[in-house]
């Protein structure tokens, strides 16, 4: 049997798909209907399809975070991705990883990707300050291992680590 859909829940509950949607999204339905629909949805193992919901609501990109890297094959990214994916999955976000070195048109690639995302993380970006300023909005961009005025950043404190090691 395939993935349980809102249509399956509606059929089992004897209500319309609109009623199922309202019941599962705290919309306007009787409390008894809400409880019954939720119980049936749980019994069937229904999980909402986030992408489908975003398309029907016109809010595509909600829950998406772009991660831009340069040289995705570098061993450094293994730990970075492990942490990013763990946090994203725990909080209901999806990550879209893009290697800027593998594209012929960085500007077009960045524009296409961020138009479908709520925010973006640039991990150790090897692009110019001017390109960052041009392509990445200050309010939705976080830089990892790079500081740049106006942008949020997360950086490793190499100096302190070296001093502690010595």
N, C-alpha and C. Protein backbone atom coordinates (compact mmCIF):
# COMPACT_ATOMS: atom_id res chain seq x y z
N UNK A 1 0.85 -1.19 0.00
CA UNK A 1 0.00 0.00 0.00
C UNK A 1 0.89 1.24 0.00
N UNK A 2 0.49 2.25 -0.77
CA UNK A 2 1.28 3.46 -0.88
C UNK A 2 1.07 4.40 0.30
N UNK A 3 1.56 5.58 0.14
CA UNK A 3 1.45 6.61 1.18
C UNK A 3 -0.02 6.97 1.41
N UNK A 4 -0.39 7.09 2.66
CA UNK A 4 -1.76 7.47 3.02
C UNK A 4 -1.95 8.95 2.70
N UNK A 5 -3.03 9.26 2.00
CA UNK A 5 -3.28 10.64 1.60
C UNK A 5 -4.47 11.21 2.36
N UNK A 6 -4.67 12.50 2.18
CA UNK A 6 -5.81 13.17 2.79
C UNK A 6 -7.13 12.59 2.27
N UNK A 7 -7.10 12.09 1.03
CA UNK A 7 -8.30 11.46 0.45
C UNK A 7 -8.65 10.16 1.19
N UNK A 8 -7.62 9.39 1.57
CA UNK A 8 -7.84 8.16 2.33
C UNK A 8 -8.46 8.46 3.69
N UNK A 9 -7.96 9.49 4.34
CA UNK A 9 -8.49 9.88 5.65
C UNK A 9 -9.94 10.34 5.51
N UNK A 10 -10.21 11.15 4.48
CA UNK A 10 -11.57 11.65 4.25
C UNK A 10 -12.54 10.50 4.01
N UNK A 11 -12.13 9.54 3.19
CA UNK A 11 -13.00 8.39 2.90
C UNK A 11 -13.28 7.59 4.16
N UNK A 12 -12.25 7.31 4.95
CA UNK A 12 -12.41 6.53 6.18
C UNK A 12 -13.27 7.27 7.21
N UNK A 13 -13.17 8.60 7.23
CA UNK A 13 -13.93 9.39 8.21
C UNK A 13 -15.32 9.75 7.71
N UNK A 14 -15.57 9.54 6.42
CA UNK A 14 -16.87 9.88 5.85
C UNK A 14 -17.09 11.38 5.75
N UNK A 15 -16.00 12.12 5.49
CA UNK A 15 -16.10 13.58 5.34
C UNK A 15 -15.33 13.99 4.09
N UNK A 16 -15.40 15.26 3.77
CA UNK A 16 -14.68 15.77 2.60
C UNK A 16 -13.21 16.01 2.93
N UNK A 17 -12.40 16.13 1.88
CA UNK A 17 -10.98 16.43 2.10
C UNK A 17 -10.82 17.81 2.73
N UNK A 18 -11.73 18.73 2.41
CA UNK A 18 -11.67 20.06 3.02
C UNK A 18 -11.89 19.97 4.53
N UNK A 19 -12.81 19.11 4.96
CA UNK A 19 -13.06 18.94 6.39
C UNK A 19 -11.84 18.32 7.06
N UNK A 20 -11.21 17.34 6.41
CA UNK A 20 -10.00 16.75 6.96
C UNK A 20 -8.93 17.82 7.12
N UNK A 21 -8.75 18.64 6.09
CA UNK A 21 -7.74 19.70 6.14
C UNK A 21 -8.01 20.66 7.30
N UNK A 22 -9.28 21.08 7.42
CA UNK A 22 -9.61 22.00 8.52
C UNK A 22 -9.41 21.33 9.88
N UNK A 23 -9.77 20.07 9.99
CA UNK A 23 -9.64 19.36 11.27
C UNK A 23 -8.17 19.21 11.67
N UNK A 24 -7.31 18.92 10.71
CA UNK A 24 -5.90 18.70 11.01
C UNK A 24 -5.10 19.98 11.16
N UNK A 25 -5.66 21.08 10.65
CA UNK A 25 -4.95 22.37 10.70
C UNK A 25 -5.64 23.37 11.61
N UNK A 26 -6.43 22.85 12.56
CA UNK A 26 -7.12 23.69 13.55
C UNK A 26 -8.04 24.72 12.92
N UNK A 27 -8.68 24.31 11.83
CA UNK A 27 -9.65 25.19 11.17
C UNK A 27 -11.02 25.06 11.82
N UNK A 28 -12.01 25.59 11.16
CA UNK A 28 -13.36 25.65 11.69
C UNK A 28 -14.13 24.35 11.42
N UNK A 29 -14.14 23.46 12.44
CA UNK A 29 -14.94 22.23 12.43
C UNK A 29 -15.37 21.96 13.86
N UNK A 30 -16.42 21.16 14.00
CA UNK A 30 -16.85 20.77 15.34
C UNK A 30 -15.73 20.00 16.03
N UNK A 31 -15.62 20.17 17.33
CA UNK A 31 -14.57 19.50 18.09
C UNK A 31 -14.69 17.98 17.98
N UNK A 32 -15.90 17.48 17.95
CA UNK A 32 -16.08 16.02 17.82
C UNK A 32 -15.57 15.54 16.47
N UNK A 33 -15.78 16.32 15.42
CA UNK A 33 -15.27 15.97 14.09
C UNK A 33 -13.75 16.03 14.08
N UNK A 34 -13.19 17.07 14.68
CA UNK A 34 -11.73 17.21 14.74
C UNK A 34 -11.11 15.98 15.41
N UNK A 35 -11.67 15.58 16.55
CA UNK A 35 -11.13 14.44 17.28
C UNK A 35 -11.24 13.15 16.47
N UNK A 36 -12.38 12.96 15.81
CA UNK A 36 -12.59 11.75 15.02
C UNK A 36 -11.63 11.69 13.83
N UNK A 37 -11.48 12.81 13.13
CA UNK A 37 -10.58 12.86 11.97
C UNK A 37 -9.14 12.63 12.40
N UNK A 38 -8.74 13.26 13.49
CA UNK A 38 -7.36 13.08 13.97
C UNK A 38 -7.11 11.63 14.39
N UNK A 39 -8.08 11.02 15.03
CA UNK A 39 -7.94 9.63 15.46
C UNK A 39 -7.79 8.72 14.24
N UNK A 40 -8.61 8.93 13.24
CA UNK A 40 -8.54 8.11 12.02
C UNK A 40 -7.22 8.35 11.30
N UNK A 41 -6.80 9.60 11.22
CA UNK A 41 -5.53 9.92 10.56
C UNK A 41 -4.38 9.21 11.27
N UNK A 42 -4.40 9.21 12.59
CA UNK A 42 -3.36 8.52 13.37
C UNK A 42 -3.40 7.01 13.13
N UNK A 43 -4.61 6.46 13.13
CA UNK A 43 -4.76 5.02 12.93
C UNK A 43 -4.26 4.59 11.55
N UNK A 44 -4.49 5.42 10.55
CA UNK A 44 -4.05 5.10 9.20
C UNK A 44 -2.57 5.39 8.97
N UNK A 45 -1.98 6.15 9.89
CA UNK A 45 -0.57 6.52 9.73
C UNK A 45 -0.38 7.68 8.76
N UNK A 46 -1.37 8.54 8.70
CA UNK A 46 -1.30 9.70 7.79
C UNK A 46 -0.29 10.72 8.28
N UNK A 47 0.53 11.20 7.36
CA UNK A 47 1.45 12.30 7.61
C UNK A 47 1.27 13.30 6.48
N UNK A 48 1.09 14.58 6.79
CA UNK A 48 0.87 15.56 5.73
C UNK A 48 2.06 15.65 4.78
N UNK A 49 1.76 15.83 3.51
CA UNK A 49 2.77 16.03 2.49
C UNK A 49 3.07 17.52 2.46
N UNK A 50 4.22 17.90 3.02
CA UNK A 50 4.56 19.32 3.16
C UNK A 50 4.66 20.02 1.81
N UNK A 51 5.26 19.36 0.85
CA UNK A 51 5.41 19.97 -0.48
C UNK A 51 4.04 20.22 -1.11
N UNK A 52 3.13 19.26 -0.99
CA UNK A 52 1.79 19.43 -1.55
C UNK A 52 1.05 20.56 -0.84
N UNK A 53 1.20 20.63 0.47
CA UNK A 53 0.55 21.70 1.23
C UNK A 53 1.08 23.07 0.81
N UNK A 54 2.38 23.16 0.62
CA UNK A 54 2.98 24.42 0.20
C UNK A 54 2.48 24.83 -1.18
N UNK A 55 2.35 23.87 -2.09
CA UNK A 55 1.88 24.19 -3.43
C UNK A 55 0.43 24.69 -3.41
N UNK A 56 -0.43 24.02 -2.64
CA UNK A 56 -1.83 24.43 -2.61
C UNK A 56 -2.04 25.74 -1.86
N UNK A 57 -1.15 26.02 -0.92
CA UNK A 57 -1.30 27.26 -0.15
C UNK A 57 -0.60 28.44 -0.83
N UNK A 58 0.19 28.14 -1.87
CA UNK A 58 0.93 29.20 -2.54
C UNK A 58 2.14 29.66 -1.75
N UNK A 59 2.55 28.88 -0.77
CA UNK A 59 3.67 29.26 0.09
C UNK A 59 4.86 28.33 -0.15
N UNK A 60 5.13 28.03 -1.41
CA UNK A 60 6.23 27.13 -1.72
C UNK A 60 7.52 27.73 -1.20
N UNK A 61 8.35 26.89 -0.64
CA UNK A 61 9.61 27.34 -0.08
C UNK A 61 9.60 27.36 1.43
N UNK A 62 8.41 27.33 2.02
CA UNK A 62 8.31 27.31 3.47
C UNK A 62 8.91 26.02 3.99
N UNK A 63 9.80 26.12 4.94
CA UNK A 63 10.43 24.93 5.51
C UNK A 63 11.67 24.50 4.76
N UNK A 64 12.06 25.24 3.73
CA UNK A 64 13.25 24.91 2.95
C UNK A 64 14.40 25.84 3.32
N UNK A 65 15.57 25.26 3.48
CA UNK A 65 16.78 26.05 3.72
C UNK A 65 17.82 25.63 2.70
N UNK A 66 18.40 26.60 2.03
CA UNK A 66 19.46 26.32 1.06
C UNK A 66 20.80 26.30 1.79
N UNK A 67 21.63 25.35 1.42
CA UNK A 67 22.99 25.28 1.95
C UNK A 67 23.92 25.34 0.75
N UNK A 68 24.71 26.39 0.68
CA UNK A 68 25.65 26.57 -0.42
C UNK A 68 27.05 26.24 0.06
N UNK A 69 27.75 25.41 -0.71
CA UNK A 69 29.11 25.03 -0.38
C UNK A 69 29.99 25.22 -1.62
N UNK A 70 31.27 25.15 -1.40
CA UNK A 70 32.23 25.08 -2.49
C UNK A 70 33.05 23.82 -2.25
N UNK A 71 32.96 22.89 -3.17
CA UNK A 71 33.64 21.59 -3.09
C UNK A 71 32.99 20.67 -2.07
N UNK A 72 31.81 20.18 -2.41
CA UNK A 72 31.03 19.31 -1.54
C UNK A 72 31.77 18.02 -1.19
N UNK A 73 32.77 17.65 -1.98
CA UNK A 73 33.50 16.41 -1.72
C UNK A 73 34.54 16.53 -0.60
N UNK A 74 34.78 17.74 -0.13
CA UNK A 74 35.79 17.95 0.92
C UNK A 74 35.33 17.29 2.22
N UNK A 75 36.24 16.60 2.91
CA UNK A 75 35.91 15.86 4.13
C UNK A 75 35.32 16.76 5.22
N UNK A 76 35.65 18.03 5.21
CA UNK A 76 35.17 18.97 6.22
C UNK A 76 33.64 18.98 6.28
N UNK A 77 32.99 18.80 5.14
CA UNK A 77 31.54 18.93 5.10
C UNK A 77 30.80 17.75 5.74
N UNK A 78 31.45 16.63 5.94
CA UNK A 78 30.78 15.48 6.54
C UNK A 78 30.18 15.84 7.90
N UNK A 79 30.98 16.40 8.78
CA UNK A 79 30.48 16.78 10.11
C UNK A 79 29.48 17.94 10.02
N UNK A 80 29.75 18.87 9.13
CA UNK A 80 28.83 20.01 8.97
C UNK A 80 27.46 19.50 8.54
N UNK A 81 27.44 18.64 7.52
CA UNK A 81 26.16 18.12 7.03
C UNK A 81 25.46 17.27 8.07
N UNK A 82 26.20 16.49 8.82
CA UNK A 82 25.60 15.67 9.87
C UNK A 82 24.83 16.55 10.85
N UNK A 83 25.47 17.63 11.29
CA UNK A 83 24.81 18.55 12.21
C UNK A 83 23.64 19.27 11.59
N UNK A 84 23.81 19.75 10.37
CA UNK A 84 22.73 20.46 9.68
C UNK A 84 21.52 19.57 9.44
N UNK A 85 21.76 18.36 8.93
CA UNK A 85 20.65 17.46 8.66
C UNK A 85 19.93 17.04 9.94
N UNK A 86 20.67 16.78 11.00
CA UNK A 86 20.06 16.40 12.27
C UNK A 86 19.14 17.50 12.78
N UNK A 87 19.64 18.72 12.78
CA UNK A 87 18.83 19.85 13.28
C UNK A 87 17.64 20.12 12.36
N UNK A 88 17.86 20.05 11.06
CA UNK A 88 16.77 20.29 10.12
C UNK A 88 15.66 19.26 10.30
N UNK A 89 16.02 18.00 10.37
CA UNK A 89 15.02 16.94 10.52
C UNK A 89 14.28 17.06 11.85
N UNK A 90 14.99 17.43 12.90
CA UNK A 90 14.36 17.56 14.22
C UNK A 90 13.38 18.72 14.28
N UNK A 91 13.55 19.70 13.41
CA UNK A 91 12.69 20.89 13.44
C UNK A 91 11.77 21.01 12.23
N UNK A 92 11.74 19.97 11.39
CA UNK A 92 10.80 19.95 10.27
C UNK A 92 11.24 20.74 9.05
N UNK A 93 12.51 21.00 8.91
CA UNK A 93 13.02 21.71 7.73
C UNK A 93 13.63 20.74 6.74
N UNK A 94 13.68 21.19 5.49
CA UNK A 94 14.35 20.44 4.42
C UNK A 94 15.54 21.26 3.95
N UNK A 95 16.65 20.57 3.67
CA UNK A 95 17.84 21.26 3.19
C UNK A 95 18.05 20.99 1.71
N UNK A 96 18.44 22.03 1.00
CA UNK A 96 18.79 21.92 -0.41
C UNK A 96 20.26 22.30 -0.53
N UNK A 97 21.10 21.31 -0.80
CA UNK A 97 22.54 21.54 -0.85
C UNK A 97 22.95 21.80 -2.29
N UNK A 98 23.71 22.88 -2.47
CA UNK A 98 24.18 23.27 -3.80
C UNK A 98 25.67 23.56 -3.74
N UNK A 99 26.43 22.93 -4.63
CA UNK A 99 27.86 23.18 -4.73
C UNK A 99 28.08 24.24 -5.80
N UNK A 100 28.54 25.41 -5.37
CA UNK A 100 28.71 26.53 -6.29
C UNK A 100 29.84 26.31 -7.30
N UNK A 101 30.74 25.39 -7.01
CA UNK A 101 31.82 25.11 -7.96
C UNK A 101 31.37 24.19 -9.09
N UNK A 102 30.20 23.59 -8.96
CA UNK A 102 29.72 22.67 -9.98
C UNK A 102 28.73 23.31 -10.95
N UNK A 103 28.55 24.60 -10.84
CA UNK A 103 27.61 25.27 -11.72
C UNK A 103 28.35 26.20 -12.67
N UNK A 104 27.80 26.35 -13.85
CA UNK A 104 28.38 27.27 -14.84
C UNK A 104 27.91 28.69 -14.62
N UNK A 105 26.77 28.85 -13.99
CA UNK A 105 26.20 30.18 -13.79
C UNK A 105 25.81 30.35 -12.32
N UNK A 106 26.76 30.82 -11.52
CA UNK A 106 26.54 30.96 -10.08
C UNK A 106 25.34 31.86 -9.79
N UNK A 107 25.25 32.99 -10.45
CA UNK A 107 24.16 33.94 -10.18
C UNK A 107 22.80 33.31 -10.44
N UNK A 108 22.63 32.63 -11.56
CA UNK A 108 21.35 32.01 -11.89
C UNK A 108 21.02 30.88 -10.92
N UNK A 109 22.02 30.08 -10.58
CA UNK A 109 21.81 28.98 -9.64
C UNK A 109 21.37 29.50 -8.29
N UNK A 110 22.08 30.48 -7.77
CA UNK A 110 21.73 31.05 -6.47
C UNK A 110 20.33 31.64 -6.51
N UNK A 111 20.02 32.40 -7.53
CA UNK A 111 18.70 33.02 -7.65
C UNK A 111 17.60 31.96 -7.67
N UNK A 112 17.78 30.90 -8.44
CA UNK A 112 16.78 29.84 -8.52
C UNK A 112 16.59 29.14 -7.18
N UNK A 113 17.69 28.82 -6.52
CA UNK A 113 17.60 28.07 -5.27
C UNK A 113 16.98 28.92 -4.16
N UNK A 114 17.46 30.15 -3.96
CA UNK A 114 16.95 30.93 -2.83
C UNK A 114 15.52 31.39 -3.05
N UNK A 115 15.04 31.40 -4.29
CA UNK A 115 13.64 31.78 -4.53
C UNK A 115 12.69 30.73 -3.98
N UNK A 116 13.20 29.54 -3.69
CA UNK A 116 12.37 28.45 -3.16
C UNK A 116 12.70 28.11 -1.72
N UNK A 117 13.36 29.02 -1.02
CA UNK A 117 13.78 28.74 0.35
C UNK A 117 13.50 29.93 1.27
N UNK A 118 13.37 29.63 2.55
CA UNK A 118 13.17 30.68 3.55
C UNK A 118 14.46 31.38 3.90
N UNK A 119 15.55 30.65 3.79
CA UNK A 119 16.84 31.22 4.15
C UNK A 119 17.94 30.38 3.58
N UNK A 120 19.17 30.84 3.80
CA UNK A 120 20.30 30.12 3.25
C UNK A 120 21.50 30.21 4.17
N UNK A 121 22.33 29.17 4.07
CA UNK A 121 23.57 29.09 4.83
C UNK A 121 24.69 28.95 3.80
N UNK A 122 25.69 29.80 3.89
CA UNK A 122 26.87 29.68 3.04
C UNK A 122 27.97 29.09 3.89
N UNK A 123 28.41 27.89 3.56
CA UNK A 123 29.42 27.20 4.35
C UNK A 123 30.78 27.39 3.70
N UNK A 124 31.66 28.07 4.42
CA UNK A 124 33.02 28.36 3.92
C UNK A 124 33.02 28.83 2.48
N UNK A 125 32.25 29.86 2.19
CA UNK A 125 32.13 30.28 0.78
C UNK A 125 33.42 30.88 0.23
N UNK A 126 33.77 30.44 -0.96
CA UNK A 126 34.93 30.98 -1.66
C UNK A 126 34.46 31.87 -2.80
N UNK A 127 33.62 32.82 -2.44
CA UNK A 127 33.18 33.81 -3.42
C UNK A 127 33.44 35.19 -2.84
N UNK A 128 33.49 36.17 -3.69
CA UNK A 128 33.86 37.51 -3.26
C UNK A 128 32.79 38.15 -2.37
N UNK A 129 33.23 39.12 -1.58
CA UNK A 129 32.29 39.89 -0.76
C UNK A 129 31.24 40.54 -1.65
N UNK A 130 31.67 41.07 -2.78
CA UNK A 130 30.74 41.73 -3.70
C UNK A 130 29.66 40.76 -4.19
N UNK A 131 30.06 39.53 -4.48
CA UNK A 131 29.09 38.52 -4.95
C UNK A 131 28.14 38.13 -3.82
N UNK A 132 28.66 38.00 -2.61
CA UNK A 132 27.78 37.70 -1.48
C UNK A 132 26.76 38.82 -1.32
N UNK A 133 27.22 40.04 -1.29
CA UNK A 133 26.34 41.20 -1.12
C UNK A 133 25.29 41.25 -2.24
N UNK A 134 25.69 40.94 -3.46
CA UNK A 134 24.80 41.01 -4.62
C UNK A 134 23.73 39.91 -4.60
N UNK A 135 24.10 38.70 -4.21
CA UNK A 135 23.22 37.55 -4.38
C UNK A 135 22.45 37.11 -3.13
N UNK A 136 22.99 37.41 -1.96
CA UNK A 136 22.41 36.84 -0.75
C UNK A 136 21.85 37.92 0.17
N UNK A 137 20.54 37.89 0.43
CA UNK A 137 19.92 38.88 1.32
C UNK A 137 20.49 38.80 2.73
N UNK A 138 20.79 39.95 3.30
CA UNK A 138 21.38 40.01 4.64
C UNK A 138 20.47 39.38 5.69
N UNK A 139 19.17 39.60 5.59
CA UNK A 139 18.25 39.18 6.64
C UNK A 139 17.95 37.68 6.65
N UNK A 140 18.29 36.95 5.59
CA UNK A 140 17.98 35.52 5.56
C UNK A 140 19.21 34.65 5.30
N UNK A 141 20.40 35.22 5.41
CA UNK A 141 21.63 34.50 5.11
C UNK A 141 22.52 34.39 6.34
N UNK A 142 23.06 33.19 6.56
CA UNK A 142 24.04 32.96 7.62
C UNK A 142 25.32 32.46 6.96
N UNK A 143 26.43 33.06 7.34
CA UNK A 143 27.73 32.63 6.83
C UNK A 143 28.39 31.72 7.85
N UNK A 144 28.92 30.59 7.39
CA UNK A 144 29.65 29.68 8.28
C UNK A 144 31.13 29.78 7.94
N UNK A 145 31.92 30.08 8.94
CA UNK A 145 33.37 30.23 8.81
C UNK A 145 33.77 31.40 7.93
N UNK A 146 32.99 32.44 8.00
CA UNK A 146 33.35 33.68 7.31
C UNK A 146 32.58 34.82 7.97
N UNK A 147 33.27 35.88 8.25
CA UNK A 147 32.65 37.08 8.81
C UNK A 147 32.54 38.13 7.71
N UNK A 148 31.38 38.78 7.69
CA UNK A 148 31.16 39.83 6.70
C UNK A 148 30.14 40.79 7.29
N UNK A 149 30.47 42.07 7.30
CA UNK A 149 29.62 43.08 7.92
C UNK A 149 28.16 42.97 7.46
N UNK A 150 27.28 42.96 8.46
CA UNK A 150 25.85 42.94 8.19
C UNK A 150 25.24 41.55 8.17
N UNK A 151 26.05 40.53 7.98
CA UNK A 151 25.56 39.16 7.90
C UNK A 151 25.76 38.44 9.22
N UNK A 152 24.81 37.57 9.54
CA UNK A 152 24.99 36.68 10.69
C UNK A 152 26.03 35.65 10.31
N UNK A 153 26.82 35.23 11.31
CA UNK A 153 27.84 34.24 10.99
C UNK A 153 28.10 33.32 12.18
N UNK A 154 28.60 32.14 11.84
CA UNK A 154 29.01 31.15 12.82
C UNK A 154 30.44 30.77 12.42
N UNK A 155 31.38 31.00 13.34
CA UNK A 155 32.78 30.75 13.00
C UNK A 155 33.46 29.91 14.09
N UNK A 156 34.38 29.08 13.65
CA UNK A 156 35.21 28.31 14.57
C UNK A 156 36.26 29.25 15.14
N UNK A 157 36.49 29.15 16.44
CA UNK A 157 37.49 29.98 17.09
C UNK A 157 38.84 29.26 17.04
N UNK A 158 39.46 29.29 15.86
CA UNK A 158 40.74 28.59 15.66
C UNK A 158 41.81 29.09 16.61
N UNK A 159 41.88 30.39 16.82
CA UNK A 159 42.91 30.96 17.67
C UNK A 159 42.85 30.39 19.08
N UNK A 160 41.64 30.37 19.65
CA UNK A 160 41.48 29.84 20.99
C UNK A 160 41.81 28.34 21.02
N UNK A 161 41.41 27.62 20.01
CA UNK A 161 41.67 26.17 19.94
C UNK A 161 43.16 25.89 19.89
N UNK A 162 43.88 26.67 19.09
CA UNK A 162 45.33 26.47 18.98
C UNK A 162 46.01 26.79 20.30
N UNK A 163 45.59 27.89 20.95
CA UNK A 163 46.17 28.26 22.24
C UNK A 163 45.92 27.19 23.29
N UNK A 164 44.72 26.61 23.29
CA UNK A 164 44.41 25.55 24.25
C UNK A 164 45.25 24.31 23.98
N UNK A 165 45.48 24.01 22.70
CA UNK A 165 46.27 22.83 22.34
C UNK A 165 47.72 23.00 22.74
N UNK A 166 48.24 24.22 22.65
CA UNK A 166 49.63 24.50 23.00
C UNK A 166 49.77 24.48 24.51
